Amino acid sequence: MFNAFKLAAALSMIGAVVSEYFGGNRSALGVYITQEAAGFRFDNAWAAIIIACVVGITFYLTIVMLERVLIPWHASIRTIEEP
């Protein structure tokens, strides 16, 4: 279940930005990236892309932290104990 949440968290940001490329108000991130790139203001366009990346990574890490809290017995969290 948490693997699906982690995948959906990362892809939701990508889907939101890509869907905004095709329309939306000026304050939408996808429209902003498109308009800034069309106006040859690539520094602003790249800044918006980095913001989108940071938001997607934050979504992913939030799910990872929830997984560690809610499923402490999961094998990926356990440490290897030597006899």
N, C-alpha and C. Protein backbone atom coordinates (compact mmCIF):
# COMPACT_ATOMS: atom_id res chain seq x y z
N MET A 1 0.82 -1.19 0.00
CA MET A 1 0.00 0.00 0.00
C MET A 1 0.87 1.26 0.00
N PHE A 2 1.89 1.27 0.84
CA PHE A 2 2.74 2.46 0.90
C PHE A 2 3.58 2.63 -0.35
N ASN A 3 3.93 1.53 -1.03
CA ASN A 3 4.63 1.67 -2.30
C ASN A 3 3.77 2.41 -3.32
N ALA A 4 2.49 2.10 -3.34
CA ALA A 4 1.57 2.80 -4.24
C ALA A 4 1.45 4.27 -3.84
N PHE A 5 1.39 4.55 -2.54
CA PHE A 5 1.32 5.94 -2.09
C PHE A 5 2.57 6.72 -2.50
N LYS A 6 3.75 6.10 -2.36
CA LYS A 6 4.99 6.78 -2.74
C LYS A 6 5.04 7.06 -4.23
N LEU A 7 4.62 6.11 -5.03
CA LEU A 7 4.59 6.30 -6.48
C LEU A 7 3.59 7.38 -6.86
N ALA A 8 2.42 7.34 -6.26
CA ALA A 8 1.38 8.33 -6.57
C ALA A 8 1.79 9.73 -6.11
N ALA A 9 2.49 9.82 -5.00
CA ALA A 9 2.91 11.13 -4.50
C ALA A 9 3.87 11.80 -5.48
N ALA A 10 4.80 11.04 -6.01
CA ALA A 10 5.75 11.61 -6.96
C ALA A 10 5.07 11.93 -8.30
N LEU A 11 4.24 11.04 -8.78
CA LEU A 11 3.61 11.24 -10.08
C LEU A 11 2.50 12.28 -10.05
N SER A 12 1.93 12.54 -8.89
CA SER A 12 0.87 13.55 -8.81
C SER A 12 1.40 14.94 -9.15
N MET A 13 2.61 15.24 -8.71
CA MET A 13 3.19 16.55 -9.04
C MET A 13 3.49 16.65 -10.52
N ILE A 14 4.00 15.59 -11.10
CA ILE A 14 4.27 15.59 -12.54
C ILE A 14 2.97 15.76 -13.31
N GLY A 15 1.94 15.03 -12.92
CA GLY A 15 0.65 15.14 -13.60
C GLY A 15 0.04 16.52 -13.48
N ALA A 16 0.17 17.13 -12.32
CA ALA A 16 -0.38 18.47 -12.13
C ALA A 16 0.31 19.49 -13.02
N VAL A 17 1.63 19.45 -13.06
CA VAL A 17 2.37 20.43 -13.86
C VAL A 17 2.10 20.23 -15.35
N VAL A 18 2.12 18.98 -15.80
CA VAL A 18 1.89 18.71 -17.22
C VAL A 18 0.48 19.10 -17.62
N SER A 19 -0.51 18.83 -16.79
CA SER A 19 -1.88 19.21 -17.14
C SER A 19 -2.05 20.73 -17.19
N GLU A 20 -1.26 21.45 -16.41
CA GLU A 20 -1.33 22.90 -16.42
C GLU A 20 -0.68 23.50 -17.65
N TYR A 21 0.17 22.75 -18.35
CA TYR A 21 0.77 23.26 -19.59
C TYR A 21 -0.30 23.61 -20.61
N PHE A 22 -1.41 22.89 -20.59
CA PHE A 22 -2.43 23.04 -21.63
C PHE A 22 -3.53 24.02 -21.24
N GLY A 23 -3.38 24.68 -20.15
CA GLY A 23 -4.36 25.69 -19.76
C GLY A 23 -4.41 25.85 -18.27
N GLY A 24 -4.88 26.97 -17.87
CA GLY A 24 -4.98 27.26 -16.45
C GLY A 24 -4.75 28.74 -16.22
N ASN A 25 -4.91 29.16 -15.00
CA ASN A 25 -4.69 30.58 -14.73
C ASN A 25 -3.20 30.88 -14.64
N ARG A 26 -2.86 32.12 -14.62
CA ARG A 26 -1.46 32.57 -14.67
C ARG A 26 -0.67 32.10 -13.45
N SER A 27 -1.35 31.90 -12.34
CA SER A 27 -0.64 31.51 -11.13
C SER A 27 -0.32 30.02 -11.07
N ALA A 28 -0.79 29.23 -12.04
CA ALA A 28 -0.49 27.79 -12.07
C ALA A 28 0.97 27.59 -12.48
N LEU A 29 1.60 26.60 -11.91
CA LEU A 29 3.03 26.39 -12.11
C LEU A 29 3.35 25.99 -13.55
N GLY A 30 2.54 25.13 -14.15
CA GLY A 30 2.79 24.70 -15.52
C GLY A 30 2.67 25.84 -16.52
N VAL A 31 1.65 26.66 -16.36
CA VAL A 31 1.47 27.82 -17.23
C VAL A 31 2.62 28.81 -17.04
N TYR A 32 3.03 28.99 -15.80
CA TYR A 32 4.14 29.90 -15.52
C TYR A 32 5.42 29.43 -16.20
N ILE A 33 5.71 28.15 -16.13
CA ILE A 33 6.91 27.61 -16.78
C ILE A 33 6.84 27.83 -18.28
N THR A 34 5.70 27.55 -18.88
CA THR A 34 5.54 27.70 -20.33
C THR A 34 5.70 29.17 -20.74
N GLN A 35 5.07 30.08 -20.03
CA GLN A 35 5.15 31.49 -20.40
C GLN A 35 6.54 32.06 -20.19
N GLU A 36 7.20 31.65 -19.13
CA GLU A 36 8.55 32.15 -18.90
C GLU A 36 9.52 31.62 -19.94
N ALA A 37 9.39 30.37 -20.33
CA ALA A 37 10.26 29.81 -21.36
C ALA A 37 9.98 30.45 -22.71
N ALA A 38 8.71 30.73 -23.00
CA ALA A 38 8.37 31.38 -24.26
C ALA A 38 8.90 32.81 -24.32
N GLY A 39 9.02 33.44 -23.16
CA GLY A 39 9.56 34.80 -23.10
C GLY A 39 11.07 34.83 -22.92
N PHE A 40 11.73 33.69 -23.09
CA PHE A 40 13.19 33.57 -22.97
C PHE A 40 13.70 33.98 -21.60
N ARG A 41 12.89 33.78 -20.59
CA ARG A 41 13.30 34.00 -19.20
C ARG A 41 13.53 32.63 -18.56
N PHE A 42 14.60 31.99 -19.03
CA PHE A 42 14.85 30.61 -18.64
C PHE A 42 15.25 30.46 -17.18
N ASP A 43 15.82 31.50 -16.60
CA ASP A 43 16.17 31.41 -15.18
C ASP A 43 14.91 31.27 -14.33
N ASN A 44 13.85 32.00 -14.67
CA ASN A 44 12.58 31.86 -13.95
C ASN A 44 11.92 30.52 -14.22
N ALA A 45 12.01 30.05 -15.46
CA ALA A 45 11.42 28.76 -15.80
C ALA A 45 12.11 27.63 -15.04
N TRP A 46 13.44 27.67 -14.98
CA TRP A 46 14.16 26.63 -14.25
C TRP A 46 13.91 26.72 -12.75
N ALA A 47 13.74 27.92 -12.24
CA ALA A 47 13.42 28.06 -10.82
C ALA A 47 12.08 27.41 -10.50
N ALA A 48 11.10 27.60 -11.38
CA ALA A 48 9.79 26.98 -11.18
C ALA A 48 9.88 25.46 -11.30
N ILE A 49 10.70 24.97 -12.20
CA ILE A 49 10.89 23.52 -12.34
C ILE A 49 11.52 22.95 -11.08
N ILE A 50 12.49 23.65 -10.53
CA ILE A 50 13.12 23.19 -9.29
C ILE A 50 12.12 23.20 -8.14
N ILE A 51 11.26 24.20 -8.08
CA ILE A 51 10.22 24.23 -7.05
C ILE A 51 9.30 23.03 -7.18
N ALA A 52 8.92 22.70 -8.41
CA ALA A 52 8.08 21.52 -8.63
C ALA A 52 8.78 20.25 -8.19
N CYS A 53 10.07 20.15 -8.45
CA CYS A 53 10.85 18.98 -8.01
C CYS A 53 10.89 18.89 -6.49
N VAL A 54 11.12 20.00 -5.83
CA VAL A 54 11.19 20.02 -4.37
C VAL A 54 9.84 19.62 -3.76
N VAL A 55 8.75 20.11 -4.35
CA VAL A 55 7.43 19.74 -3.84
C VAL A 55 7.18 18.24 -4.02
N GLY A 56 7.54 17.69 -5.18
CA GLY A 56 7.38 16.25 -5.41
C GLY A 56 8.22 15.41 -4.46
N ILE A 57 9.45 15.82 -4.22
CA ILE A 57 10.32 15.10 -3.28
C ILE A 57 9.77 15.21 -1.87
N THR A 58 9.23 16.36 -1.51
CA THR A 58 8.63 16.53 -0.18
C THR A 58 7.43 15.61 0.00
N PHE A 59 6.58 15.51 -1.02
CA PHE A 59 5.46 14.57 -0.96
C PHE A 59 5.96 13.15 -0.72
N TYR A 60 6.99 12.74 -1.47
CA TYR A 60 7.53 11.39 -1.35
C TYR A 60 8.10 11.15 0.05
N LEU A 61 8.88 12.08 0.54
CA LEU A 61 9.50 11.90 1.86
C LEU A 61 8.46 11.90 2.98
N THR A 62 7.38 12.61 2.80
CA THR A 62 6.30 12.58 3.78
C THR A 62 5.70 11.19 3.88
N ILE A 63 5.49 10.55 2.73
CA ILE A 63 4.95 9.19 2.72
C ILE A 63 5.96 8.22 3.34
N VAL A 64 7.24 8.40 3.06
CA VAL A 64 8.27 7.53 3.65
C VAL A 64 8.27 7.66 5.18
N MET A 65 8.16 8.88 5.69
CA MET A 65 8.13 9.07 7.14
C MET A 65 6.88 8.45 7.75
N LEU A 66 5.74 8.60 7.08
CA LEU A 66 4.51 7.97 7.58
C LEU A 66 4.64 6.45 7.59
N GLU A 67 5.29 5.91 6.57
CA GLU A 67 5.48 4.45 6.51
C GLU A 67 6.34 3.98 7.69
N ARG A 68 7.39 4.70 7.99
CA ARG A 68 8.25 4.31 9.10
C ARG A 68 7.54 4.40 10.44
N VAL A 69 6.65 5.36 10.59
CA VAL A 69 5.93 5.53 11.85
C VAL A 69 4.82 4.47 11.99
N LEU A 70 4.09 4.25 10.91
CA LEU A 70 2.92 3.37 10.98
C LEU A 70 3.26 1.88 10.84
N ILE A 71 4.41 1.56 10.24
CA ILE A 71 4.80 0.16 10.06
C ILE A 71 6.24 -0.03 10.55
N PRO A 72 6.47 0.05 11.85
CA PRO A 72 7.84 -0.08 12.36
C PRO A 72 8.40 -1.50 12.25
N TRP A 73 7.57 -2.48 12.01
CA TRP A 73 8.03 -3.86 11.93
C TRP A 73 8.42 -4.27 10.51
N HIS A 74 8.30 -3.36 9.55
CA HIS A 74 8.59 -3.68 8.15
C HIS A 74 10.06 -4.07 7.99
N ALA A 75 10.33 -4.99 7.08
CA ALA A 75 11.69 -5.52 6.88
C ALA A 75 12.68 -4.46 6.41
N SER A 76 12.22 -3.47 5.68
CA SER A 76 13.14 -2.44 5.18
C SER A 76 13.63 -1.52 6.30
N ILE A 77 12.99 -1.54 7.43
CA ILE A 77 13.36 -0.66 8.54
C ILE A 77 14.22 -1.38 9.59
N ARG A 78 14.04 -2.69 9.68
CA ARG A 78 14.79 -3.46 10.67
C ARG A 78 16.28 -3.41 10.40
N THR A 79 17.06 -3.45 11.46
CA THR A 79 18.51 -3.55 11.33
C THR A 79 18.92 -5.00 11.45
N ILE A 80 20.03 -5.31 10.84
CA ILE A 80 20.53 -6.69 10.89
C ILE A 80 21.28 -6.88 12.19
N GLU A 81 20.84 -7.85 12.97
CA GLU A 81 21.49 -8.13 14.24
C GLU A 81 22.34 -9.38 14.08
N GLU A 82 23.58 -9.27 14.49
CA GLU A 82 24.48 -10.40 14.40
C GLU A 82 24.41 -11.19 15.71
N PRO A 83 24.46 -12.53 15.62
CA PRO A 83 24.40 -13.35 16.85
C PRO A 83 25.62 -13.25 17.72
